[in-house]
Protein backbone atom coordinates (compact mmCIF):
# COMPACT_ATOMS: atom_id res chain seq x y z
CA MET A 1 48.43 27.36 -30.78
CA LYS A 2 47.90 30.78 -29.22
CA LYS A 3 44.38 30.79 -30.63
CA SER A 4 43.57 27.43 -29.01
CA VAL A 5 45.00 28.54 -25.67
CA GLY A 6 42.95 31.72 -25.89
CA ILE A 7 39.76 29.75 -26.57
CA LEU A 8 40.42 27.38 -23.67
CA SER A 9 41.25 30.25 -21.34
CA GLY A 10 38.09 32.06 -22.35
CA LEU A 11 36.06 28.90 -21.77
CA ALA A 12 37.59 28.41 -18.33
CA VAL A 13 36.79 32.02 -17.41
CA ALA A 14 33.21 31.60 -18.66
CA ILE A 15 32.72 28.46 -16.57
CA ALA A 16 34.19 30.17 -13.51
CA VAL A 17 31.91 33.16 -13.96
CA ALA A 18 28.85 30.91 -14.49
CA THR A 19 29.73 28.87 -11.41
CA THR A 20 30.22 31.94 -9.24
CA ALA A 21 27.05 33.57 -10.52
CA GLY A 22 25.11 30.35 -9.99
CA ALA A 23 26.41 29.98 -6.46
CA TRP A 24 25.45 33.58 -5.67
CA TYR A 25 21.98 33.05 -7.15
CA THR A 26 21.45 29.81 -5.19
CA GLY A 27 22.54 31.48 -1.97
CA LYS A 28 19.99 34.23 -2.49
CA GLN A 29 17.19 31.81 -3.40
CA LEU A 30 17.90 29.15 -0.76
CA PRO A 31 16.12 30.58 2.33
CA ALA A 32 12.86 31.15 0.44
CA GLU A 33 13.05 27.71 -1.21
CA LEU A 34 13.63 25.97 2.12
CA ASP A 35 10.70 27.82 3.72
CA ARG A 36 8.46 26.87 0.79
CA ALA A 37 9.53 23.21 0.86
CA ILE A 38 9.05 22.90 4.64
CA THR A 39 5.64 24.58 4.52
CA GLN A 40 4.56 22.25 1.71
CA ALA A 41 5.88 19.19 3.57
CA ASN A 42 4.00 20.13 6.75
CA GLN A 43 0.79 20.66 4.80
CA GLU A 44 1.12 17.22 3.21
CA LEU A 45 1.90 15.60 6.59
CA LYS A 46 -1.18 17.19 8.13
CA LYS A 47 -3.41 15.91 5.33
CA THR A 48 -1.89 12.43 5.39
CA LEU A 49 -2.16 12.02 9.17
CA ALA A 50 -5.64 13.52 9.51
CA GLY A 51 -7.84 11.28 11.63
CA THR A 52 -4.96 9.11 12.90
CA GLY A 53 -4.35 11.05 16.11
CA LEU A 54 -0.66 11.26 15.19
CA SER A 55 1.01 14.64 14.72
CA MET A 56 4.27 15.23 12.82
CA SER A 57 5.99 18.43 11.74
CA ILE A 58 9.30 19.62 10.27
CA GLU A 59 11.16 22.74 11.42
CA LEU A 60 14.25 24.52 10.13
CA ASP A 61 16.50 24.70 13.19
CA SER A 62 19.31 26.69 11.62
CA LEU A 63 20.80 27.80 8.30
CA GLU A 64 24.43 28.86 7.88
CA GLN A 65 25.10 30.32 4.44
CA HIS A 66 28.44 30.62 2.67
CA PHE A 67 29.22 31.53 -0.92
CA PHE A 68 29.47 28.04 -2.39
CA THR A 69 27.85 25.98 0.38
CA SER A 70 25.27 26.18 3.15
CA THR A 71 24.59 24.06 6.23
CA ALA A 72 21.05 23.44 7.45
CA HIS A 73 19.60 21.56 10.42
CA TYR A 74 16.04 20.24 10.25
CA ARG A 75 14.08 18.97 13.25
CA LEU A 76 11.32 16.38 12.82
CA LYS A 77 8.84 16.19 15.70
CA ALA A 78 6.27 13.46 16.26
CA LYS A 79 3.56 13.22 18.92
CA ASP A 80 1.24 10.42 20.04
CA LEU A 81 2.95 7.67 18.05
CA GLU A 82 1.49 4.29 19.01
CA ALA A 83 4.16 2.36 20.94
CA GLY A 84 1.97 -0.36 22.42
CA GLU A 85 -1.63 -1.10 23.34
CA VAL A 86 -1.81 1.93 25.64
CA GLU A 87 1.52 3.75 25.55
CA LYS A 88 2.05 6.66 23.18
CA LEU A 89 5.44 8.01 22.25
CA ASP A 90 6.66 11.55 21.54
CA PHE A 91 10.04 11.99 19.88
CA GLU A 92 12.13 14.27 17.72
CA PHE A 93 15.37 13.99 15.77
CA VAL A 94 17.62 16.23 13.74
CA MET A 95 18.86 15.92 10.16
CA LEU A 96 22.08 17.65 9.08
CA ASP A 97 22.09 18.90 5.49
CA GLN A 98 25.27 20.00 3.68
CA ILE A 99 24.02 21.99 0.68
CA GLU A 100 26.29 22.65 -2.31
CA HIS A 101 25.27 25.60 -4.47
CA GLY A 102 24.90 25.19 -8.21
CA PRO A 103 25.31 25.13 -11.06
CA PHE A 104 28.06 22.51 -10.74
CA PRO A 105 28.17 21.06 -7.19
CA TRP A 106 31.42 19.22 -6.63
CA SER A 107 29.75 16.00 -5.42
CA ARG A 108 27.89 15.74 -8.74
CA VAL A 109 30.97 16.59 -10.79
CA LYS A 110 32.89 13.78 -9.03
CA ALA A 111 30.08 11.39 -9.97
CA PHE A 112 30.22 12.62 -13.62
CA LYS A 113 26.76 14.20 -13.33
CA LEU A 114 27.46 17.32 -15.37
CA MET A 115 23.98 18.72 -15.92
CA PRO A 116 23.73 22.06 -14.09
CA VAL A 117 21.45 22.12 -11.03
CA MET A 118 20.45 24.79 -8.54
CA ALA A 119 21.78 22.84 -5.55
CA ALA A 120 22.88 19.44 -4.32
CA SER A 121 21.94 18.28 -0.85
CA ASN A 122 23.78 15.75 1.31
CA GLY A 123 21.70 14.98 4.38
CA SER A 124 22.36 12.64 7.28
CA LEU A 125 20.64 11.74 10.53
CA GLU A 126 22.35 13.22 13.59
CA LYS A 127 23.01 11.19 16.71
CA GLY A 128 20.90 12.13 19.73
CA ASP A 129 19.17 10.60 22.72
CA PHE A 130 16.37 9.13 20.63
CA THR A 131 18.51 7.99 17.68
CA ALA A 132 21.51 6.64 19.63
CA PRO A 133 20.13 3.04 19.74
CA TRP A 134 19.59 3.22 15.97
CA PHE A 135 23.24 4.22 15.46
CA ALA A 136 24.33 1.35 17.71
CA ALA A 137 22.20 -1.15 15.77
CA ALA A 138 23.78 0.12 12.54
CA GLY A 139 27.25 -0.62 13.88
CA GLY A 140 28.06 3.05 14.44
CA LYS A 141 27.24 4.05 10.87
CA VAL A 142 24.81 6.83 10.01
CA PRO A 143 21.43 5.05 9.75
CA VAL A 144 19.84 7.45 7.24
CA THR A 145 21.50 9.41 4.44
CA VAL A 146 19.82 11.47 1.74
CA GLN A 147 21.42 12.77 -1.44
CA SER A 148 19.28 14.99 -3.63
CA SER A 149 19.55 17.66 -6.27
CA VAL A 150 17.24 20.51 -7.23
CA GLY A 151 17.16 21.54 -10.88
CA TYR A 152 16.53 25.06 -12.10
CA ASP A 153 13.11 23.83 -13.26
CA GLY A 154 12.29 22.87 -9.68
CA ASN A 155 12.48 19.09 -10.24
CA VAL A 156 14.02 17.12 -7.37
CA GLU A 157 15.94 13.84 -7.62
CA SER A 158 16.65 11.94 -4.40
CA ASP A 159 18.63 8.91 -3.27
CA ILE A 160 17.60 7.84 0.25
CA ARG A 161 19.48 5.03 1.98
CA LEU A 162 18.83 3.17 5.22
CA ALA A 163 21.91 1.43 6.61
CA PRO A 164 21.87 -2.28 7.53
CA VAL A 165 20.67 -2.84 11.10
CA LYS A 166 21.02 -5.76 13.53
CA LEU A 167 19.42 -6.06 16.94
CA GLU A 168 20.05 -8.69 19.61
CA GLN A 169 18.39 -9.34 22.94
CA ASP A 170 19.90 -11.70 25.53
CA GLY A 171 22.29 -12.94 22.87
CA GLU A 172 19.47 -13.83 20.47
CA LYS A 173 18.93 -12.13 17.11
CA VAL A 174 15.74 -10.07 17.08
CA LEU A 175 16.12 -8.04 13.87
CA ASP A 176 18.39 -8.36 10.84
CA PHE A 177 17.76 -5.72 8.16
CA SER A 178 19.90 -5.53 5.01
CA GLY A 179 19.21 -1.84 4.45
CA MET A 180 17.18 -0.06 1.80
CA GLN A 181 17.72 2.25 -1.16
CA LEU A 182 14.93 4.53 -2.40
CA LEU A 183 15.34 6.50 -5.62
CA GLY A 184 12.79 9.23 -6.21
CA ARG A 185 11.98 12.06 -8.57
CA THR A 186 9.32 14.75 -8.19
CA ASP A 187 8.45 18.16 -9.53
CA ARG A 188 8.51 21.40 -7.53
CA GLN A 189 4.91 21.08 -6.32
CA GLY A 190 5.11 17.35 -5.66
CA LYS A 191 2.37 16.65 -8.22
CA ASP A 192 4.33 14.21 -10.40
CA THR A 193 6.30 11.57 -8.54
CA GLU A 194 8.33 8.54 -9.55
CA PHE A 195 10.01 6.17 -7.10
CA HIS A 196 11.81 2.84 -6.88
CA ALA A 197 12.98 1.05 -3.73
CA ASN A 198 14.44 -2.31 -2.85
CA VAL A 199 15.30 -4.31 0.27
CA ASP A 200 17.33 -7.50 0.00
CA ARG A 201 16.47 -9.08 3.35
CA LEU A 202 14.53 -8.59 6.57
CA GLU A 203 14.44 -11.10 9.43
CA LEU A 204 12.30 -10.78 12.56
CA ASN A 205 12.39 -13.09 15.59
CA PHE A 206 9.91 -12.82 18.47
CA ALA A 207 7.56 -14.85 20.68
CA ASP A 208 3.77 -15.01 20.25
CA ALA A 209 1.13 -14.75 23.01
CA GLN A 210 1.86 -18.36 24.01
CA GLU A 211 5.61 -17.62 24.21
CA THR A 212 6.22 -19.79 21.14
CA PRO A 213 9.08 -18.64 18.87
CA VAL A 214 8.10 -17.00 15.60
CA LYS A 215 10.50 -16.21 12.77
CA ILE A 216 9.59 -14.11 9.72
CA LEU A 217 12.03 -13.85 6.82
CA LEU A 218 11.41 -11.60 3.81
CA ASN A 219 13.68 -11.73 0.76
CA GLY A 220 13.84 -9.59 -2.37
CA PHE A 221 11.35 -6.79 -1.71
CA LYS A 222 10.85 -4.21 -4.48
CA VAL A 223 8.41 -1.34 -4.89
CA GLY A 224 8.08 1.19 -7.68
CA GLY A 225 5.56 3.55 -9.12
CA LYS A 226 4.71 6.68 -11.01
CA LEU A 227 1.93 8.94 -9.71
CA SER A 228 0.40 12.21 -10.84
CA GLN A 229 -1.88 14.38 -8.75
CA THR A 230 -5.30 15.09 -10.21
CA ASP A 231 -7.13 18.39 -9.98
CA HIS A 232 -8.56 17.01 -6.73
CA ASP A 233 -6.29 17.36 -3.70
CA MET A 234 -4.65 14.18 -2.36
CA ILE A 235 -6.01 12.03 -5.22
CA TYR A 236 -3.26 10.57 -7.41
CA VAL A 237 -3.46 8.41 -10.53
CA GLY A 238 -0.82 6.12 -11.95
CA ASN A 239 0.68 2.82 -10.86
CA ILE A 240 2.23 1.31 -7.75
CA ASP A 241 3.85 -2.14 -8.06
CA LEU A 242 5.19 -4.27 -5.20
CA ALA A 243 7.01 -7.58 -5.39
CA LEU A 244 8.44 -9.96 -2.79
CA ALA A 245 10.58 -12.85 -3.97
CA ASP A 246 9.72 -15.06 -1.00
CA THR A 247 8.39 -15.00 2.55
CA GLN A 248 9.09 -17.63 5.19
CA VAL A 249 7.13 -17.85 8.45
CA THR A 250 8.21 -20.36 11.09
CA SER A 251 5.70 -20.75 13.92
CA GLY A 252 3.72 -23.12 16.12
CA ALA A 253 4.73 -25.75 18.62
CA ASP A 254 6.25 -27.91 15.87
CA GLN A 255 7.95 -24.89 14.21
CA GLN A 256 6.63 -25.70 10.75
CA VAL A 257 7.56 -23.36 7.90
CA LEU A 258 5.08 -21.59 5.63
CA VAL A 259 6.71 -20.38 2.39
CA LEU A 260 5.15 -17.90 -0.04
CA LYS A 261 7.00 -17.27 -3.30
CA GLY A 262 6.44 -14.76 -6.07
CA LEU A 263 4.22 -12.33 -4.16
CA GLN A 264 2.99 -9.40 -6.26
CA GLN A 265 0.68 -6.45 -5.81
CA ASN A 266 0.00 -4.24 -8.84
CA ASN A 267 -2.22 -1.17 -8.46
CA LEU A 268 -3.34 1.01 -11.37
CA TYR A 269 -5.49 4.13 -10.96
CA SER A 270 -6.90 6.51 -13.59
CA ALA A 271 -9.26 9.48 -13.81
CA GLU A 272 -12.21 9.12 -16.19
CA GLY A 273 -14.95 11.31 -17.66
CA GLU A 274 -14.83 14.59 -19.50
CA ALA A 275 -14.04 16.47 -16.29
CA LYS A 276 -11.67 13.72 -15.10
CA ASP A 277 -13.71 13.57 -11.88
CA LYS A 278 -14.37 9.82 -11.84
CA LEU A 279 -11.84 7.38 -10.38
CA ALA A 280 -11.15 3.93 -11.81
CA GLY A 281 -8.77 1.36 -10.46
CA ARG A 282 -7.45 -2.16 -10.84
CA LEU A 283 -5.74 -4.01 -7.98
CA GLU A 284 -4.02 -7.34 -8.59
CA TYR A 285 -2.62 -9.68 -5.92
CA LYS A 286 -0.72 -12.85 -6.78
CA VAL A 287 1.24 -15.57 -5.02
CA ALA A 288 3.04 -17.92 -7.40
CA ASP A 289 3.73 -20.76 -4.97
CA ILE A 290 2.61 -21.73 -1.46
CA SER A 291 4.13 -24.56 0.53
CA TYR A 292 3.79 -25.70 4.14
CA ALA A 293 5.98 -28.07 6.11
CA GLY A 294 7.91 -28.82 2.95
CA ARG A 295 4.80 -29.80 0.97
CA LYS A 296 3.33 -27.98 -2.04
CA VAL A 297 -0.04 -26.34 -1.45
CA GLY A 298 -0.82 -24.24 -4.52
CA SER A 299 -1.01 -20.72 -5.90
CA GLY A 300 -3.53 -17.89 -5.71
CA GLU A 301 -4.67 -14.71 -7.44
CA MET A 302 -7.14 -11.91 -6.74
CA VAL A 303 -8.20 -9.06 -9.06
CA PHE A 304 -10.37 -6.20 -7.82
CA THR A 305 -11.65 -3.35 -10.03
CA MET A 306 -13.66 -0.18 -9.52
CA LYS A 307 -15.14 2.31 -11.97
CA SER A 308 -17.06 5.61 -11.94
CA ILE A 309 -16.19 6.60 -8.38
CA ASP A 310 -17.12 10.28 -8.03
CA ILE A 311 -13.92 11.88 -6.72
CA PRO A 312 -15.33 15.05 -5.05
CA ALA A 313 -18.02 13.02 -3.26
CA MET A 314 -15.49 10.39 -2.19
CA GLN A 315 -13.18 13.10 -0.83
CA ALA A 316 -16.00 14.68 1.15
CA LEU A 317 -16.96 11.32 2.67
CA LEU A 318 -13.33 10.54 3.53
CA GLU A 319 -12.91 13.92 5.21
CA TRP A 320 -16.06 13.28 7.26
CA TYR A 321 -14.84 9.80 8.22
CA GLN A 322 -11.50 11.20 9.36
CA THR A 323 -13.35 13.22 12.00
CA LYS A 324 -14.86 9.97 13.31
CA ALA A 325 -11.74 7.80 12.92
CA PRO A 326 -10.47 8.36 16.51
CA GLN A 327 -13.73 6.87 17.85
CA VAL A 328 -13.36 3.83 15.60
CA GLN A 329 -9.70 3.35 16.61
CA GLN A 330 -10.51 3.62 20.31
CA ALA A 331 -13.34 1.07 20.02
CA ALA A 332 -11.06 -1.31 18.11
CA ALA A 333 -8.28 -0.92 20.72
CA GLU A 334 -10.76 -1.72 23.51
CA GLY A 335 -12.26 -4.66 21.64
CA GLN A 336 -15.68 -3.02 21.39
CA ALA A 337 -18.18 -2.90 18.56
CA LEU A 338 -18.04 -0.03 16.09
CA PRO A 339 -19.62 3.08 17.63
CA SER A 340 -22.77 4.67 16.28
CA PHE A 341 -21.99 8.16 15.07
CA ASP A 342 -24.15 10.88 16.58
CA MET A 343 -24.74 13.36 13.79
CA THR A 344 -26.52 16.66 13.75
CA PRO A 345 -29.34 17.01 11.19
CA GLU A 346 -27.06 19.25 9.12
CA GLU A 347 -24.21 16.73 9.25
CA GLN A 348 -26.52 13.84 8.35
CA ALA A 349 -27.91 15.79 5.39
CA LYS A 350 -24.36 16.59 4.20
CA VAL A 351 -23.21 12.97 4.44
CA GLN A 352 -26.32 11.63 2.70
CA GLY A 353 -25.97 14.27 -0.01
CA ASP A 354 -22.35 13.27 -0.69
CA LEU A 355 -23.29 9.59 -0.68
CA GLN A 356 -26.17 10.24 -3.06
CA LYS A 357 -23.84 12.17 -5.36
CA MET A 358 -21.40 9.26 -5.42
CA LEU A 359 -24.19 6.77 -6.16
CA ALA A 360 -25.60 9.04 -8.88
CA GLY A 361 -22.41 8.36 -10.83
CA LYS A 362 -23.41 4.65 -10.95
CA PRO A 363 -20.19 3.26 -9.48
CA GLN A 364 -19.15 -0.29 -10.25
CA LEU A 365 -17.19 -2.60 -7.95
CA ALA A 366 -16.01 -6.05 -8.98
CA LEU A 367 -14.02 -8.90 -7.56
CA GLU A 368 -13.14 -10.03 -11.07
CA LYS A 369 -11.14 -13.03 -9.97
CA LEU A 370 -10.44 -14.90 -6.77
CA SER A 371 -8.71 -18.17 -7.62
CA PHE A 372 -6.78 -20.94 -5.95
CA LYS A 373 -4.89 -23.57 -7.91
CA THR A 374 -3.40 -26.89 -6.81
CA ALA A 375 -1.64 -29.61 -8.79
CA ASN A 376 -4.87 -31.09 -10.21
CA GLY A 377 -7.48 -28.36 -10.13
CA GLU A 378 -8.35 -24.69 -9.86
CA SER A 379 -11.33 -22.98 -8.19
CA HIS A 380 -12.71 -19.51 -8.98
CA PHE A 381 -15.04 -16.91 -7.52
CA SER A 382 -16.21 -13.63 -9.08
CA LEU A 383 -18.62 -10.89 -7.99
CA ALA A 384 -19.63 -7.71 -9.84
CA MET A 385 -22.02 -5.07 -8.49
CA ASP A 386 -23.48 -1.95 -10.09
CA PHE A 387 -24.86 0.73 -7.78
CA ALA A 388 -27.44 3.49 -8.25
CA SER A 389 -28.79 6.38 -6.22
CA PRO A 390 -31.99 5.62 -4.25
CA THR A 391 -34.95 7.98 -4.21
CA SER A 392 -34.44 8.30 -0.44
CA PHE A 393 -32.29 6.81 2.31
CA ASP A 394 -35.37 6.63 4.55
CA LEU A 395 -36.90 3.76 2.59
CA PRO A 396 -37.49 0.36 4.27
CA PRO A 397 -34.32 -1.80 4.12
CA ASP A 398 -35.65 -4.18 1.45
CA GLN A 399 -36.71 -1.33 -0.87
CA LEU A 400 -33.48 0.60 -0.18
CA GLY A 401 -31.41 -2.45 -1.07
CA LYS A 402 -33.24 -2.94 -4.37
CA GLN A 403 -32.61 0.67 -5.37
CA LEU A 404 -28.99 0.76 -4.19
CA VAL A 405 -27.89 -2.33 -6.16
CA SER A 406 -29.04 -2.11 -9.77
CA SER A 407 -27.37 -5.37 -10.82
CA LEU A 408 -25.26 -8.17 -9.40
CA HIS A 409 -23.42 -11.07 -11.01
CA SER A 410 -21.65 -13.78 -9.03
CA LYS A 411 -20.20 -17.16 -9.89
CA LEU A 412 -18.46 -19.79 -7.78
CA SER A 413 -16.65 -22.74 -9.36
CA VAL A 414 -15.11 -25.32 -7.01
CA SER A 415 -12.84 -27.96 -8.53
CA LYS A 416 -13.38 -31.42 -7.04
CA PRO A 417 -9.78 -32.45 -7.85
CA MET A 418 -8.58 -29.34 -6.00
CA VAL A 419 -10.62 -30.37 -2.94
CA GLY A 420 -9.00 -33.79 -3.24
CA ASP A 421 -5.51 -32.24 -3.33
CA LEU A 422 -6.23 -30.29 -0.14
CA ALA A 423 -7.61 -33.42 1.53
CA THR A 424 -4.41 -35.25 0.59
CA LEU A 425 -2.31 -32.46 2.09
CA GLN A 426 -4.36 -32.53 5.30
CA ALA A 427 -3.92 -36.27 5.61
CA LEU A 428 -0.16 -36.07 5.07
CA LEU A 429 0.23 -33.25 7.57
CA GLY A 430 -1.84 -35.28 10.03
CA GLY A 431 0.67 -38.12 9.85
CA GLU A 432 -1.23 -40.50 7.52
CA THR A 433 1.16 -42.83 5.65
CA ASP A 434 -1.14 -45.31 3.86
CA ALA A 435 -1.06 -44.14 0.21
CA GLN A 436 -4.18 -46.14 -0.74
CA ALA A 437 -6.19 -44.76 2.19
CA ILE A 438 -5.07 -41.21 1.38
CA ALA A 439 -6.10 -41.58 -2.28
CA GLN A 440 -9.51 -42.96 -1.30
CA GLN A 441 -10.15 -40.19 1.24
CA SER A 442 -9.15 -37.52 -1.26
CA SER A 443 -11.43 -38.88 -3.96
CA GLN A 444 -14.33 -39.12 -1.52
CA ALA A 445 -13.78 -35.55 -0.32
CA GLY A 446 -14.20 -34.10 -3.82
CA GLU A 447 -17.25 -36.23 -4.61
CA MET A 448 -18.84 -35.40 -1.25
CA VAL A 449 -18.62 -31.67 -1.99
CA GLY A 450 -20.40 -32.20 -5.30
CA MET A 451 -23.07 -34.45 -3.81
CA MET A 452 -23.85 -32.05 -0.95
CA ALA A 453 -24.05 -29.10 -3.35
CA VAL A 454 -26.54 -30.85 -5.64
CA GLN A 455 -28.69 -32.22 -2.80
CA SER A 456 -28.92 -28.81 -1.18
CA GLY A 457 -29.89 -27.14 -4.43
CA MET A 458 -27.19 -24.53 -3.90
CA ALA A 459 -25.07 -25.60 -6.88
CA THR A 460 -24.82 -27.86 -9.89
CA VAL A 461 -22.08 -30.19 -11.08
CA GLN A 462 -20.54 -29.70 -14.51
CA GLY A 463 -17.80 -32.25 -15.21
CA THR A 464 -15.33 -32.02 -12.34
CA ASP A 465 -16.53 -28.57 -11.18
CA VAL A 466 -19.20 -27.65 -8.65
CA ILE A 467 -20.79 -24.43 -9.92
CA SER A 468 -23.12 -21.90 -8.31
CA SER A 469 -24.23 -18.75 -10.12
CA LEU A 470 -26.31 -15.77 -9.05
CA LYS A 471 -27.63 -12.89 -11.15
CA TYR A 472 -29.79 -9.97 -10.10
CA ALA A 473 -31.33 -7.20 -12.20
CA ASP A 474 -34.65 -5.33 -12.38
CA GLY A 475 -35.84 -6.79 -9.08
CA MET A 476 -35.49 -10.42 -10.22
CA VAL A 477 -32.98 -13.10 -9.23
CA ASP A 478 -31.56 -15.87 -11.42
CA PHE A 479 -30.08 -18.53 -9.12
CA ASN A 480 -28.47 -21.43 -10.94
CA GLY A 481 -30.83 -20.93 -13.88
CA LYS A 482 -34.01 -20.62 -11.78
CA LYS A 483 -35.74 -17.23 -11.81
CA MET A 484 -37.43 -15.88 -8.68
CA THR A 485 -38.19 -12.68 -6.82
CA VAL A 486 -35.82 -11.24 -4.26
CA GLU A 487 -38.21 -12.29 -1.48
CA GLU A 488 -38.33 -15.87 -2.77
CA PHE A 489 -34.55 -15.99 -2.98
CA ALA A 490 -34.24 -14.67 0.58
CA MET A 491 -36.62 -17.40 1.81
CA LEU A 492 -34.65 -20.06 -0.08
CA ILE A 493 -31.34 -19.04 1.46
CA SER A 494 -32.90 -18.65 4.91
CA GLY A 495 -34.30 -22.18 4.67
CA HIS A 496 -30.91 -23.64 3.75
CA LEU A 497 -29.16 -21.75 6.55
């Protein structure tokens, strides 16, 4: 018995010593770690916002250190945030952070998380002039809370929560937000990141330019991903997946409802080549069911892929574009055409060199699938293009185009029954009630598409599908099985137009 008591007492003393030593170590390390994290965050913000005209930064307002805990205040400042067509908004707010020193922070012990960590952070948004309306909309609750822990290996785990928010104007509901939870994990340098977030419900009510009510309701939003930074700054590979259970949009004078169900976006990126300096990607977009005014419309899918994108060249071109982005944004805001960029000879040579380097990698872009399906038919479109580097960018446009695009494959397949389904839907929405007349119109619509395509020579009919195909390689075009030069093809299309 005495031996057992002695063992337990020794264990308790060992834990107490480890806890005290860990707390002392964390207290000593904390100021340097906070400075490093804030510096890194500001660097990432600057890179992310480059070319947007928006400026954001994080500052450490204060740090009060105790033996087992510390209290920090962070200030986030933002300048030139777009708040309307002309108005720009500057604001700042403060986050309070109660930091528990490791190795066994009490908040983690209470939650039965017994793995030792360097520190546990419990952050919350503080109420101020700018954030007071947010607190009011959240019913007096703290709108943003952040719980995170930092391991001795530098890994960070976070749980960020946005409180439910409701806004009313003149007694009418404007915004109803169910809140959000975001779980994240990253390493010390922020190079490997994993995240998962979900929102149950978001409702927006407003009036359009014609003062007609518009209601948007989003249900069951989820996003998740796992990304790793490559050897090239700001380029990450991995996956990002988004899903939305259903979207409802009520609009127009008759307040009809458009419903989209089973929305998905799945993005996958990877680095290829021996030097891992080529980017490849696959982007998928799906909608499982579309209905309008209570009537079924169909479903859709789009798949886009890219291969052999030279990462250093792409980065250089993006950095150049960011210097021109404010001009583009200003022209778009004023409803003007895109501006022509005045470049110095040195700048032009640099841009053309980077573009030539990217094309030398023979990048490939493809719209692998663009489809729309109704009850009785499905239509498809695909387009794949292979690029190459031209001998010079000063070539005449026709010669430059031939050298830029080394090959092209495209195919369009339009289902006549699908056209008929859409014609039926249009008739029903237009108030037509004669079933026989609707059936006749729908059948005629599909046949008319096929007849026009054949008569124009732009397509052929195979069974119930109207098909048009285009292939280009080695300076020759194959259009629906007929071979011709690029010039002959251009004349053919010009004549039809």
